[in-house]
Amino acid sequence: MTARRKRVLRLVGSAVVTGLCLAYIVWQIDVSRTVRILGDASPWWFLGAVAIMVFTVPAMAWRWQQLLAARGIHDRLPWLLRAYFTAYTAGQILPTSIGGDAMRIFETSRRHPGKGGPIAGSILLERALGGAATLVLAAIGFVLAIGRYDVGAYLWVELAFVLGSIGLGIVLFSKRARRPLRTLVPGLRVVRVERPLRAVYEGIHGYRDHGGLMVRVAGLTLGLQAVRVLAIWAAARAVGVDLSPRPFYVMGPLLFLVMLVPFTVNGLAVREAFFVSFLGGLGVDKSAAFATGFLFFLVTVALSLPGAVVLGSEWLRAARLAPAGPEPDGP
């Protein structure tokens, strides 16, 4: 299959998923009521949600700095912070957070030639640790919600993620797994992905020799994810959804995991459909549930604004420094 055909199929698939989610949303909500709810949203709760997301980014950049340093890649925290914010900007126009990760890999690899594998490994390891942390939070949230909220329908989804994460961890870090993985090499060479996949695998596998760092980073990731769930709760409070944070510690981790899958550009419609389904199952008015999802989308847009300012200023500076074209010939 040619690259162009794959791209077309991916676009068609994304359009189909978006259309189905939009149809589900329109079927479930009262549009005029939703508009009124959004118009009456509390700006203070919204700004609180934005502040939670923004103020966790420096800790995430520091975490990335530690992972890079463990593989002999040293960079300044301000630049890594800049890379995080510009990645959020890229995520607004590329498929979910994966697009932002690709931008971080590309830009950082340009700063450190020949280190593409370890750099990609550090970023994918961040994602893996984030997924593991969300599963821990989901389990804690479920225990807290027993007897209070009906969330049983989502346990199968969580179980699938748990099993998948355990299997992925074994593949990436077990030395015994290397032998059966070698059987995949001929097939991967045929489709010309063996070299990049090997580089990423080696980049992640190398962290098995840094056990102490992994424990510290995993603990930090768990704390960051726990704080970020409160941003979803704050968005819900902004539109009048009167639930305690407890059910959001079941919903939030699942939302973070769903948003990792590049169904649509920036999770369009998938995110809102998830909010309607989950919160609607807890007795929340479905128009208010959709408004919560849309407001959380605006939170992510606000999170991308610092990166947009950085990219815009860098473009203007480059344009000013660019050499002028040749003088036009005289008459």
C-alpha atoms as a PDB file:
ATOM      1  CA  MET A   1       0.000   0.000   0.000  1.00  0.00           C
ATOM      2  CA  THR A   2       1.440   3.372  -1.021  1.00  0.00           C
ATOM      3  CA  ALA A   3       2.012   6.174   1.458  1.00  0.00           C
ATOM      4  CA  ARG A   4      -0.574   8.298  -0.333  1.00  0.00           C
ATOM      5  CA  ARG A   5      -3.222   5.592  -0.080  1.00  0.00           C
ATOM      6  CA  LYS A   6      -2.475   5.117   3.623  1.00  0.00           C
ATOM      7  CA  ARG A   7      -2.833   8.853   4.156  1.00  0.00           C
ATOM      8  CA  VAL A   8      -6.184   8.896   2.350  1.00  0.00           C
ATOM      9  CA  LEU A   9      -7.466   5.926   4.341  1.00  0.00           C
ATOM     10  CA  ARG A  10      -6.343   7.591   7.580  1.00  0.00           C
ATOM     11  CA  LEU A  11      -8.182  10.796   6.664  1.00  0.00           C
ATOM     12  CA  VAL A  12     -11.322   8.878   5.703  1.00  0.00           C
ATOM     13  CA  GLY A  13     -11.197   6.885   8.932  1.00  0.00           C
ATOM     14  CA  SER A  14     -10.759  10.056  10.982  1.00  0.00           C
ATOM     15  CA  ALA A  15     -13.698  11.684   9.185  1.00  0.00           C
ATOM     16  CA  VAL A  16     -15.913   8.651   9.834  1.00  0.00           C
ATOM     17  CA  VAL A  17     -15.042   8.576  13.562  1.00  0.00           C
ATOM     18  CA  THR A  18     -15.627  12.335  13.828  1.00  0.00           C
ATOM     19  CA  GLY A  19     -18.982  12.060  12.045  1.00  0.00           C
ATOM     20  CA  LEU A  20     -20.183   9.218  14.249  1.00  0.00           C
ATOM     21  CA  CYS A  21     -19.182  11.052  17.427  1.00  0.00           C
ATOM     22  CA  LEU A  22     -20.842  14.260  16.261  1.00  0.00           C
ATOM     23  CA  ALA A  23     -24.026  12.361  15.406  1.00  0.00           C
ATOM     24  CA  TYR A  24     -24.034  10.789  18.873  1.00  0.00           C
ATOM     25  CA  ILE A  25     -23.535  14.181  20.524  1.00  0.00           C
ATOM     26  CA  VAL A  26     -26.314  15.898  18.550  1.00  0.00           C
ATOM     27  CA  TRP A  27     -28.637  12.984  19.320  1.00  0.00           C
ATOM     28  CA  GLN A  28     -27.937  13.238  23.052  1.00  0.00           C
ATOM     29  CA  ILE A  29     -27.898  16.969  23.808  1.00  0.00           C
ATOM     30  CA  ASP A  30     -30.116  20.038  23.557  1.00  0.00           C
ATOM     31  CA  VAL A  31     -27.996  22.469  21.528  1.00  0.00           C
ATOM     32  CA  SER A  32     -29.737  25.662  22.658  1.00  0.00           C
ATOM     33  CA  ARG A  33     -29.544  24.599  26.306  1.00  0.00           C
ATOM     34  CA  THR A  34     -25.857  23.792  25.876  1.00  0.00           C
ATOM     35  CA  VAL A  35     -25.187  27.269  24.492  1.00  0.00           C
ATOM     36  CA  ARG A  36     -26.922  28.834  27.519  1.00  0.00           C
ATOM     37  CA  ILE A  37     -24.884  26.676  29.913  1.00  0.00           C
ATOM     38  CA  LEU A  38     -21.622  27.710  28.254  1.00  0.00           C
ATOM     39  CA  GLY A  39     -22.678  31.355  28.310  1.00  0.00           C
ATOM     40  CA  ASP A  40     -23.264  31.157  32.058  1.00  0.00           C
ATOM     41  CA  ALA A  41     -20.014  29.312  32.811  1.00  0.00           C
ATOM     42  CA  SER A  42     -17.938  30.626  35.714  1.00  0.00           C
ATOM     43  CA  PRO A  43     -14.763  32.314  34.442  1.00  0.00           C
ATOM     44  CA  TRP A  44     -13.032  31.728  37.791  1.00  0.00           C
ATOM     45  CA  TRP A  45     -13.438  27.949  37.710  1.00  0.00           C
ATOM     46  CA  PHE A  46     -12.314  27.989  34.072  1.00  0.00           C
ATOM     47  CA  LEU A  47      -9.199  30.024  34.905  1.00  0.00           C
ATOM     48  CA  GLY A  48      -8.529  27.650  37.781  1.00  0.00           C
ATOM     49  CA  ALA A  49      -8.564  24.719  35.369  1.00  0.00           C
ATOM     50  CA  VAL A  50      -6.167  26.545  33.038  1.00  0.00           C
ATOM     51  CA  ALA A  51      -3.835  27.397  35.940  1.00  0.00           C
ATOM     52  CA  ILE A  52      -3.684  23.753  37.040  1.00  0.00           C
ATOM     53  CA  MET A  53      -2.654  22.637  33.563  1.00  0.00           C
ATOM     54  CA  VAL A  54      -0.122  25.430  33.000  1.00  0.00           C
ATOM     55  CA  PHE A  55       1.607  25.175  36.372  1.00  0.00           C
ATOM     56  CA  THR A  56       2.234  21.443  36.000  1.00  0.00           C
ATOM     57  CA  VAL A  57       4.236  21.887  32.778  1.00  0.00           C
ATOM     58  CA  PRO A  58       7.546  22.972  34.418  1.00  0.00           C
ATOM     59  CA  ALA A  59       7.555  19.788  36.516  1.00  0.00           C
ATOM     60  CA  MET A  60       6.933  17.743  33.363  1.00  0.00           C
ATOM     61  CA  ALA A  61       9.813  19.496  31.582  1.00  0.00           C
ATOM     62  CA  TRP A  62      12.101  18.774  34.564  1.00  0.00           C
ATOM     63  CA  ARG A  63      11.060  15.106  34.445  1.00  0.00           C
ATOM     64  CA  TRP A  64      11.992  14.967  30.767  1.00  0.00           C
ATOM     65  CA  GLN A  65      15.330  16.637  31.521  1.00  0.00           C
ATOM     66  CA  GLN A  66      16.152  13.878  34.026  1.00  0.00           C
ATOM     67  CA  LEU A  67      15.251  11.134  31.543  1.00  0.00           C
ATOM     68  CA  LEU A  68      17.412  12.704  28.856  1.00  0.00           C
ATOM     69  CA  ALA A  69      20.336  13.201  31.227  1.00  0.00           C
ATOM     70  CA  ALA A  70      20.244   9.504  32.150  1.00  0.00           C
ATOM     71  CA  ARG A  71      21.045   8.741  28.490  1.00  0.00           C
ATOM     72  CA  GLY A  72      23.803  11.320  28.233  1.00  0.00           C
ATOM     73  CA  ILE A  73      21.684  14.043  26.606  1.00  0.00           C
ATOM     74  CA  HIS A  74      21.930  17.338  28.483  1.00  0.00           C
ATOM     75  CA  ASP A  75      19.770  20.349  27.701  1.00  0.00           C
ATOM     76  CA  ARG A  76      18.599  23.482  29.464  1.00  0.00           C
ATOM     77  CA  LEU A  77      15.288  23.432  31.329  1.00  0.00           C
ATOM     78  CA  PRO A  78      14.006  26.670  29.673  1.00  0.00           C
ATOM     79  CA  TRP A  79      14.403  25.120  26.211  1.00  0.00           C
ATOM     80  CA  LEU A  80      12.712  21.888  27.273  1.00  0.00           C
ATOM     81  CA  LEU A  81       9.868  23.942  28.751  1.00  0.00           C
ATOM     82  CA  ARG A  82       9.616  25.798  25.439  1.00  0.00           C
ATOM     83  CA  ALA A  83       9.494  22.453  23.605  1.00  0.00           C
ATOM     84  CA  TYR A  84       6.626  21.284  25.810  1.00  0.00           C
ATOM     85  CA  PHE A  85       4.511  24.387  25.182  1.00  0.00           C
ATOM     86  CA  THR A  86       5.145  24.390  21.415  1.00  0.00           C
ATOM     87  CA  ALA A  87       4.212  20.694  21.363  1.00  0.00           C
ATOM     88  CA  TYR A  88       0.859  21.606  22.925  1.00  0.00           C
ATOM     89  CA  THR A  89       0.425  24.135  20.124  1.00  0.00           C
ATOM     90  CA  ALA A  90       1.182  21.483  17.495  1.00  0.00           C
ATOM     91  CA  GLY A  91      -1.308  19.174  19.184  1.00  0.00           C
ATOM     92  CA  GLN A  92      -4.113  21.587  18.294  1.00  0.00           C
ATOM     93  CA  ILE A  93      -3.696  20.894  14.577  1.00  0.00           C
ATOM     94  CA  LEU A  94      -2.170  17.392  14.601  1.00  0.00           C
ATOM     95  CA  PRO A  95      -3.786  14.114  15.710  1.00  0.00           C
ATOM     96  CA  THR A  96      -4.082  14.346  19.542  1.00  0.00           C
ATOM     97  CA  SER A  97      -1.012  14.525  21.746  1.00  0.00           C
ATOM     98  CA  ILE A  98       0.893  12.159  19.432  1.00  0.00           C
ATOM     99  CA  GLY A  99       1.447  15.032  17.026  1.00  0.00           C
ATOM    100  CA  GLY A 100       2.978  17.135  19.787  1.00  0.00           C
ATOM    101  CA  ASP A 101       5.279  14.260  20.754  1.00  0.00           C
ATOM    102  CA  ALA A 102       6.443  13.979  17.139  1.00  0.00           C
ATOM    103  CA  MET A 103       7.300  17.668  17.145  1.00  0.00           C
ATOM    104  CA  ARG A 104       9.317  17.309  20.370  1.00  0.00           C
ATOM    105  CA  ILE A 105      11.220  14.371  18.898  1.00  0.00           C
ATOM    106  CA  PHE A 106      11.947  16.270  15.674  1.00  0.00           C
ATOM    107  CA  GLU A 107      13.097  19.512  17.306  1.00  0.00           C
ATOM    108  CA  THR A 108      15.174  17.877  20.034  1.00  0.00           C
ATOM    109  CA  SER A 109      16.832  15.501  17.561  1.00  0.00           C
ATOM    110  CA  ARG A 110      17.939  18.512  15.522  1.00  0.00           C
ATOM    111  CA  ARG A 111      19.610  19.950  18.635  1.00  0.00           C
ATOM    112  CA  HIS A 112      21.314  16.625  19.406  1.00  0.00           C
ATOM    113  CA  PRO A 113      22.255  14.925  16.097  1.00  0.00           C
ATOM    114  CA  GLY A 114      22.630  11.166  16.262  1.00  0.00           C
ATOM    115  CA  LYS A 115      20.541  10.909  19.440  1.00  0.00           C
ATOM    116  CA  GLY A 116      17.155  10.394  17.815  1.00  0.00           C
ATOM    117  CA  GLY A 117      16.618   6.929  19.325  1.00  0.00           C
ATOM    118  CA  PRO A 118      17.227   7.889  22.972  1.00  0.00           C
ATOM    119  CA  ILE A 119      15.246  11.111  22.536  1.00  0.00           C
ATOM    120  CA  ALA A 120      12.246   9.277  21.086  1.00  0.00           C
ATOM    121  CA  GLY A 121      12.650   6.658  23.800  1.00  0.00           C
ATOM    122  CA  SER A 122      12.539   9.293  26.558  1.00  0.00           C
ATOM    123  CA  ILE A 123       9.344  10.823  25.170  1.00  0.00           C
ATOM    124  CA  LEU A 124       7.617   7.484  24.624  1.00  0.00           C
ATOM    125  CA  LEU A 125       8.697   6.418  28.107  1.00  0.00           C
ATOM    126  CA  GLU A 126       7.003   9.556  29.435  1.00  0.00           C
ATOM    127  CA  ARG A 127       3.822   8.425  27.694  1.00  0.00           C
ATOM    128  CA  ALA A 128       4.147   4.903  29.073  1.00  0.00           C
ATOM    129  CA  LEU A 129       4.658   6.205  32.605  1.00  0.00           C
ATOM    130  CA  GLY A 130       1.725   8.558  32.155  1.00  0.00           C
ATOM    131  CA  GLY A 131      -0.456   5.649  31.056  1.00  0.00           C
ATOM    132  CA  ALA A 132       0.620   3.575  34.052  1.00  0.00           C
ATOM    133  CA  ALA A 133      -0.079   6.498  36.405  1.00  0.00           C
ATOM    134  CA  THR A 134      -3.540   7.018  34.948  1.00  0.00           C
ATOM    135  CA  LEU A 135      -4.352   3.348  35.514  1.00  0.00           C
ATOM    136  CA  VAL A 136      -3.275   3.603  39.150  1.00  0.00           C
ATOM    137  CA  LEU A 137      -5.466   6.695  39.546  1.00  0.00           C
ATOM    138  CA  ALA A 138      -8.370   4.937  37.858  1.00  0.00           C
ATOM    139  CA  ALA A 139      -8.075   2.029  40.292  1.00  0.00           C
ATOM    140  CA  ILE A 140      -7.973   4.427  43.258  1.00  0.00           C
ATOM    141  CA  GLY A 141     -10.904   6.379  41.869  1.00  0.00           C
ATOM    142  CA  PHE A 142     -12.928   3.238  41.388  1.00  0.00           C
ATOM    143  CA  VAL A 143     -12.367   2.188  45.002  1.00  0.00           C
ATOM    144  CA  LEU A 144     -13.423   5.651  46.154  1.00  0.00           C
ATOM    145  CA  ALA A 145     -16.526   5.530  43.948  1.00  0.00           C
ATOM    146  CA  ILE A 146     -17.810   2.124  45.120  1.00  0.00           C
ATOM    147  CA  GLY A 147     -21.294   2.521  46.492  1.00  0.00           C
ATOM    148  CA  ARG A 148     -21.514   6.143  45.361  1.00  0.00           C
ATOM    149  CA  TYR A 149     -21.385   6.151  41.550  1.00  0.00           C
ATOM    150  CA  ASP A 150     -22.219   3.623  38.879  1.00  0.00           C
ATOM    151  CA  VAL A 151     -19.012   3.323  36.829  1.00  0.00           C
ATOM    152  CA  GLY A 152     -18.938  -0.432  36.330  1.00  0.00           C
ATOM    153  CA  ALA A 153     -19.359  -0.218  32.545  1.00  0.00           C
ATOM    154  CA  TYR A 154     -15.927   1.371  32.223  1.00  0.00           C
ATOM    155  CA  LEU A 155     -14.052  -1.274  34.198  1.00  0.00           C
ATOM    156  CA  TRP A 156     -13.609  -3.486  31.137  1.00  0.00           C
ATOM    157  CA  VAL A 157     -11.925  -0.593  29.326  1.00  0.00           C
ATOM    158  CA  GLU A 158      -9.617  -0.049  32.276  1.00  0.00           C
ATOM    159  CA  LEU A 159      -8.863  -3.782  32.452  1.00  0.00           C
ATOM    160  CA  ALA A 160      -7.882  -3.821  28.780  1.00  0.00           C
ATOM    161  CA  PHE A 161      -5.521  -0.886  29.338  1.00  0.00           C
ATOM    162  CA  VAL A 162      -4.031  -2.559  32.419  1.00  0.00           C
ATOM    163  CA  LEU A 163      -3.329  -5.809  30.585  1.00  0.00           C
ATOM    164  CA  GLY A 164      -1.952  -3.928  27.599  1.00  0.00           C
ATOM    165  CA  SER A 165       0.336  -1.840  29.812  1.00  0.00           C
ATOM    166  CA  ILE A 166       1.673  -4.923  31.620  1.00  0.00           C
ATOM    167  CA  GLY A 167       2.369  -6.652  28.314  1.00  0.00           C
ATOM    168  CA  LEU A 168       4.056  -3.566  26.880  1.00  0.00           C
ATOM    169  CA  GLY A 169       6.211  -3.201  29.991  1.00  0.00           C
ATOM    170  CA  ILE A 170       7.400  -6.805  29.655  1.00  0.00           C
ATOM    171  CA  VAL A 171       8.207  -6.324  25.968  1.00  0.00           C
ATOM    172  CA  LEU A 172      10.137  -3.108  26.532  1.00  0.00           C
ATOM    173  CA  PHE A 173      12.138  -3.979  29.650  1.00  0.00           C
ATOM    174  CA  SER A 174      12.520  -7.756  29.858  1.00  0.00           C
ATOM    175  CA  LYS A 175      15.779  -9.221  28.549  1.00  0.00           C
ATOM    176  CA  ARG A 176      14.007 -12.523  27.920  1.00  0.00           C
ATOM    177  CA  ALA A 177      11.633 -10.792  25.533  1.00  0.00           C
ATOM    178  CA  ARG A 178      14.485  -9.836  23.204  1.00  0.00           C
ATOM    179  CA  ARG A 179      14.816 -13.333  21.732  1.00  0.00           C
ATOM    180  CA  PRO A 180      11.179 -13.710  20.564  1.00  0.00           C
ATOM    181  CA  LEU A 181      11.251 -10.111  19.339  1.00  0.00           C
ATOM    182  CA  ARG A 182      14.068 -11.046  16.955  1.00  0.00           C
ATOM    183  CA  THR A 183      11.623 -13.209  15.008  1.00  0.00           C
ATOM    184  CA  LEU A 184       9.816 -10.016  13.969  1.00  0.00           C
ATOM    185  CA  VAL A 185      12.918  -8.439  12.430  1.00  0.00           C
ATOM    186  CA  PRO A 186      12.607  -9.917   8.890  1.00  0.00           C
ATOM    187  CA  GLY A 187       8.999  -8.761   8.561  1.00  0.00           C
ATOM    188  CA  LEU A 188       9.809  -5.305   9.890  1.00  0.00           C
ATOM    189  CA  ARG A 189      12.655  -5.012   7.383  1.00  0.00           C
ATOM    190  CA  VAL A 190      10.275  -5.791   4.550  1.00  0.00           C
ATOM    191  CA  VAL A 191       8.063  -2.820   5.478  1.00  0.00           C
ATOM    192  CA  ARG A 192      11.175  -0.695   6.184  1.00  0.00           C
ATOM    193  CA  VAL A 193      10.443   0.147   9.824  1.00  0.00           C
ATOM    194  CA  GLU A 194      12.975  -2.134  11.524  1.00  0.00           C
ATOM    195  CA  ARG A 195      15.683   0.517  12.006  1.00  0.00           C
ATOM    196  CA  PRO A 196      13.507   3.271  13.556  1.00  0.00           C
ATOM    197  CA  LEU A 197      11.642   0.774  15.758  1.00  0.00           C
ATOM    198  CA  ARG A 198      14.934  -0.749  16.910  1.00  0.00           C
ATOM    199  CA  ALA A 199      16.284   2.716  17.775  1.00  0.00           C
ATOM    200  CA  VAL A 200      13.188   3.551  19.828  1.00  0.00           C
ATOM    201  CA  TYR A 201      13.189   0.138  21.525  1.00  0.00           C
ATOM    202  CA  GLU A 202      16.847   0.466  22.503  1.00  0.00           C
ATOM    203  CA  GLY A 203      16.157   4.018  23.668  1.00  0.00           C
ATOM    204  CA  ILE A 204      13.479   2.824  26.103  1.00  0.00           C
ATOM    205  CA  HIS A 205      15.113  -0.501  27.045  1.00  0.00           C
ATOM    206  CA  GLY A 206      18.211   1.347  28.238  1.00  0.00           C
ATOM    207  CA  TYR A 207      16.263   2.776  31.164  1.00  0.00           C
ATOM    208  CA  ARG A 208      16.084  -0.652  32.834  1.00  0.00           C
ATOM    209  CA  ASP A 209      19.554   0.164  34.223  1.00  0.00           C
ATOM    210  CA  HIS A 210      18.229   3.304  35.972  1.00  0.00           C
ATOM    211  CA  GLY A 211      15.858   1.799  38.540  1.00  0.00           C
ATOM    212  CA  GLY A 212      16.098   4.620  41.070  1.00  0.00           C
ATOM    213  CA  LEU A 213      15.370   7.255  38.457  1.00  0.00           C
ATOM    214  CA  MET A 214      12.413   5.261  37.168  1.00  0.00           C
ATOM    215  CA  VAL A 215      10.889   5.072  40.668  1.00  0.00           C
ATOM    216  CA  ARG A 216      11.296   8.823  41.223  1.00  0.00           C
ATOM    217  CA  VAL A 217       9.932   9.722  37.803  1.00  0.00           C
ATOM    218  CA  ALA A 218       6.986   7.347  38.189  1.00  0.00           C
ATOM    219  CA  GLY A 219       6.120   8.925  41.554  1.00  0.00           C
ATOM    220  CA  LEU A 220       6.282  12.424  40.075  1.00  0.00           C
ATOM    221  CA  THR A 221       4.129  11.345  37.127  1.00  0.00           C
ATOM    222  CA  LEU A 222       1.490   9.919  39.451  1.00  0.00           C
ATOM    223  CA  GLY A 223       1.367  13.182  41.379  1.00  0.00           C
ATOM    224  CA  LEU A 224       1.124  15.282  38.208  1.00  0.00           C
ATOM    225  CA  GLN A 225      -1.689  13.164  36.805  1.00  0.00           C
ATOM    226  CA  ALA A 226      -3.563  13.401  40.097  1.00  0.00           C
ATOM    227  CA  VAL A 227      -3.346  17.196  40.018  1.00  0.00           C
ATOM    228  CA  ARG A 228      -4.332  17.404  36.346  1.00  0.00           C
ATOM    229  CA  VAL A 229      -7.522  15.426  36.958  1.00  0.00           C
ATOM    230  CA  LEU A 230      -8.632  18.354  39.111  1.00  0.00           C
ATOM    231  CA  ALA A 231      -8.565  20.535  35.987  1.00  0.00           C
ATOM    232  CA  ILE A 232     -11.371  18.397  34.521  1.00  0.00           C
ATOM    233  CA  TRP A 233     -13.300  18.685  37.782  1.00  0.00           C
ATOM    234  CA  ALA A 234     -12.831  22.490  37.733  1.00  0.00           C
ATOM    235  CA  ALA A 235     -14.151  22.632  34.147  1.00  0.00           C
ATOM    236  CA  ALA A 236     -17.208  20.683  35.280  1.00  0.00           C
ATOM    237  CA  ARG A 237     -17.785  23.029  38.215  1.00  0.00           C
ATOM    238  CA  ALA A 238     -17.543  25.975  35.813  1.00  0.00           C
ATOM    239  CA  VAL A 239     -20.705  24.798  34.033  1.00  0.00           C
ATOM    240  CA  GLY A 240     -22.550  23.859  37.214  1.00  0.00           C
ATOM    241  CA  VAL A 241     -21.869  20.113  37.401  1.00  0.00           C
ATOM    242  CA  ASP A 242     -22.031  19.494  41.155  1.00  0.00           C
ATOM    243  CA  LEU A 243     -19.984  16.322  41.610  1.00  0.00           C
ATOM    244  CA  SER A 244     -17.113  15.714  43.997  1.00  0.00           C
ATOM    245  CA  PRO A 245     -13.653  15.012  42.528  1.00  0.00           C
ATOM    246  CA  ARG A 246     -14.110  11.265  43.205  1.00  0.00           C
ATOM    247  CA  PRO A 247     -15.785  10.207  39.930  1.00  0.00           C
ATOM    248  CA  PHE A 248     -13.305  12.315  37.969  1.00  0.00           C
ATOM    249  CA  TYR A 249     -10.512  10.084  39.239  1.00  0.00           C
ATOM    250  CA  VAL A 250     -12.236   7.302  37.305  1.00  0.00           C
ATOM    251  CA  MET A 251     -13.164   9.447  34.306  1.00  0.00           C
ATOM    252  CA  GLY A 252      -9.991  11.553  34.063  1.00  0.00           C
ATOM    253  CA  PRO A 253      -7.499   8.711  33.614  1.00  0.00           C
ATOM    254  CA  LEU A 254      -9.707   7.112  30.964  1.00  0.00           C
ATOM    255  CA  LEU A 255      -9.981  10.437  29.156  1.00  0.00           C
ATOM    256  CA  PHE A 256      -6.187  10.869  29.173  1.00  0.00           C
ATOM    257  CA  LEU A 257      -5.798   7.366  27.741  1.00  0.00           C
ATOM    258  CA  VAL A 258      -8.468   7.881  25.083  1.00  0.00           C
ATOM    259  CA  MET A 259      -6.829  11.147  24.038  1.00  0.00           C
ATOM    260  CA  LEU A 260      -3.562   9.324  23.336  1.00  0.00           C
ATOM    261  CA  VAL A 261      -5.196   7.440  20.466  1.00  0.00           C
ATOM    262  CA  PRO A 262      -5.149   9.548  17.265  1.00  0.00           C
ATOM    263  CA  PHE A 263      -8.781   9.063  16.270  1.00  0.00           C
ATOM    264  CA  THR A 264      -9.273  12.675  15.139  1.00  0.00           C
ATOM    265  CA  VAL A 265      -7.364  15.960  14.996  1.00  0.00           C
ATOM    266  CA  ASN A 266      -6.982  17.171  18.587  1.00  0.00           C
ATOM    267  CA  GLY A 267      -9.530  14.583  19.721  1.00  0.00           C
ATOM    268  CA  LEU A 268     -12.360  16.571  18.100  1.00  0.00           C
ATOM    269  CA  ALA A 269     -15.790  15.118  18.981  1.00  0.00           C
ATOM    270  CA  VAL A 270     -14.258  11.984  20.590  1.00  0.00           C
ATOM    271  CA  ARG A 271     -13.513  13.946  23.763  1.00  0.00           C
ATOM    272  CA  GLU A 272     -16.987  15.497  23.949  1.00  0.00           C
ATOM    273  CA  ALA A 273     -18.717  12.176  23.216  1.00  0.00           C
ATOM    274  CA  PHE A 274     -16.734  10.603  26.066  1.00  0.00           C
ATOM    275  CA  PHE A 275     -17.882  13.327  28.470  1.00  0.00           C
ATOM    276  CA  VAL A 276     -21.520  12.895  27.428  1.00  0.00           C
ATOM    277  CA  SER A 277     -21.337   9.130  27.836  1.00  0.00           C
ATOM    278  CA  PHE A 278     -19.512   9.052  31.168  1.00  0.00           C
ATOM    279  CA  LEU A 279     -21.104  11.986  32.981  1.00  0.00           C
ATOM    280  CA  GLY A 280     -24.513  11.161  31.498  1.00  0.00           C
ATOM    281  CA  GLY A 281     -24.215   7.735  33.111  1.00  0.00           C
ATOM    282  CA  LEU A 282     -23.775   9.456  36.480  1.00  0.00           C
ATOM    283  CA  GLY A 283     -27.035  11.350  36.129  1.00  0.00           C
ATOM    284  CA  VAL A 284     -25.501  14.608  34.865  1.00  0.00           C
ATOM    285  CA  ASP A 285     -27.607  16.512  32.347  1.00  0.00           C
ATOM    286  CA  LYS A 286     -26.153  15.567  28.966  1.00  0.00           C
ATOM    287  CA  SER A 287     -26.057  19.141  27.726  1.00  0.00           C
ATOM    288  CA  ALA A 288     -24.023  20.063  30.813  1.00  0.00           C
ATOM    289  CA  ALA A 289     -21.818  17.008  30.228  1.00  0.00           C
ATOM    290  CA  PHE A 290     -21.095  18.164  26.684  1.00  0.00           C
ATOM    291  CA  ALA A 291     -20.443  21.696  27.948  1.00  0.00           C
ATOM    292  CA  THR A 292     -17.880  20.255  30.378  1.00  0.00           C
ATOM    293  CA  GLY A 293     -16.075  18.507  27.543  1.00  0.00           C
ATOM    294  CA  PHE A 294     -16.127  21.603  25.355  1.00  0.00           C
ATOM    295  CA  LEU A 295     -14.861  23.789  28.185  1.00  0.00           C
ATOM    296  CA  PHE A 296     -12.028  21.339  28.846  1.00  0.00           C
ATOM    297  CA  PHE A 297     -11.187  21.615  25.140  1.00  0.00           C
ATOM    298  CA  LEU A 298     -10.918  25.401  25.646  1.00  0.00           C
ATOM    299  CA  VAL A 299      -8.591  24.696  28.582  1.00  0.00           C
ATOM    300  CA  THR A 300      -6.287  22.754  26.251  1.00  0.00           C
ATOM    301  CA  VAL A 301      -6.467  25.613  23.734  1.00  0.00           C
ATOM    302  CA  ALA A 302      -5.417  28.055  26.459  1.00  0.00           C
ATOM    303  CA  LEU A 303      -2.555  25.698  27.336  1.00  0.00           C
ATOM    304  CA  SER A 304      -1.324  25.944  23.754  1.00  0.00           C
ATOM    305  CA  LEU A 305      -1.251  29.761  23.663  1.00  0.00           C
ATOM    306  CA  PRO A 306       2.229  30.209  25.234  1.00  0.00           C
ATOM    307  CA  GLY A 307       3.648  27.911  22.567  1.00  0.00           C
ATOM    308  CA  ALA A 308       1.862  29.851  19.846  1.00  0.00           C
ATOM    309  CA  VAL A 309       3.416  33.082  21.144  1.00  0.00           C
ATOM    310  CA  VAL A 310       6.876  31.468  21.201  1.00  0.00           C
ATOM    311  CA  LEU A 311       6.564  30.104  17.662  1.00  0.00           C
ATOM    312  CA  GLY A 312       5.203  33.405  16.384  1.00  0.00           C
ATOM    313  CA  SER A 313       8.027  35.421  17.941  1.00  0.00           C
ATOM    314  CA  GLU A 314      10.643  32.985  16.616  1.00  0.00           C
ATOM    315  CA  TRP A 315       9.173  33.231  13.118  1.00  0.00           C
ATOM    316  CA  LEU A 316       9.189  37.038  13.232  1.00  0.00           C
ATOM    317  CA  ARG A 317      12.787  37.084  14.507  1.00  0.00           C
ATOM    318  CA  ALA A 318      13.877  34.709  11.745  1.00  0.00           C
ATOM    319  CA  ALA A 319      12.094  36.835   9.155  1.00  0.00           C
ATOM    320  CA  ARG A 320      13.920  39.969  10.358  1.00  0.00           C
ATOM    321  CA  LEU A 321      17.307  38.234  10.303  1.00  0.00           C
ATOM    322  CA  ALA A 322      16.793  36.637   6.887  1.00  0.00           C
ATOM    323  CA  PRO A 323      19.061  38.157   4.221  1.00  0.00           C
ATOM    324  CA  ALA A 324      17.358  40.534   1.844  1.00  0.00           C
ATOM    325  CA  GLY A 325      16.899  39.451  -1.759  1.00  0.00           C
ATOM    326  CA  PRO A 326      19.084  40.812  -4.584  1.00  0.00           C
ATOM    327  CA  GLU A 327      18.613  44.401  -5.585  1.00  0.00           C
ATOM    328  CA  PRO A 328      16.434  44.734  -8.695  1.00  0.00           C
ATOM    329  CA  ASP A 329      18.300  45.679 -11.852  1.00  0.00           C
ATOM    330  CA  GLY A 330      18.148  49.336 -12.815  1.00  0.00           C
ATOM    331  CA  PRO A 331      16.461  50.598 -15.932  1.00  0.00           C
END
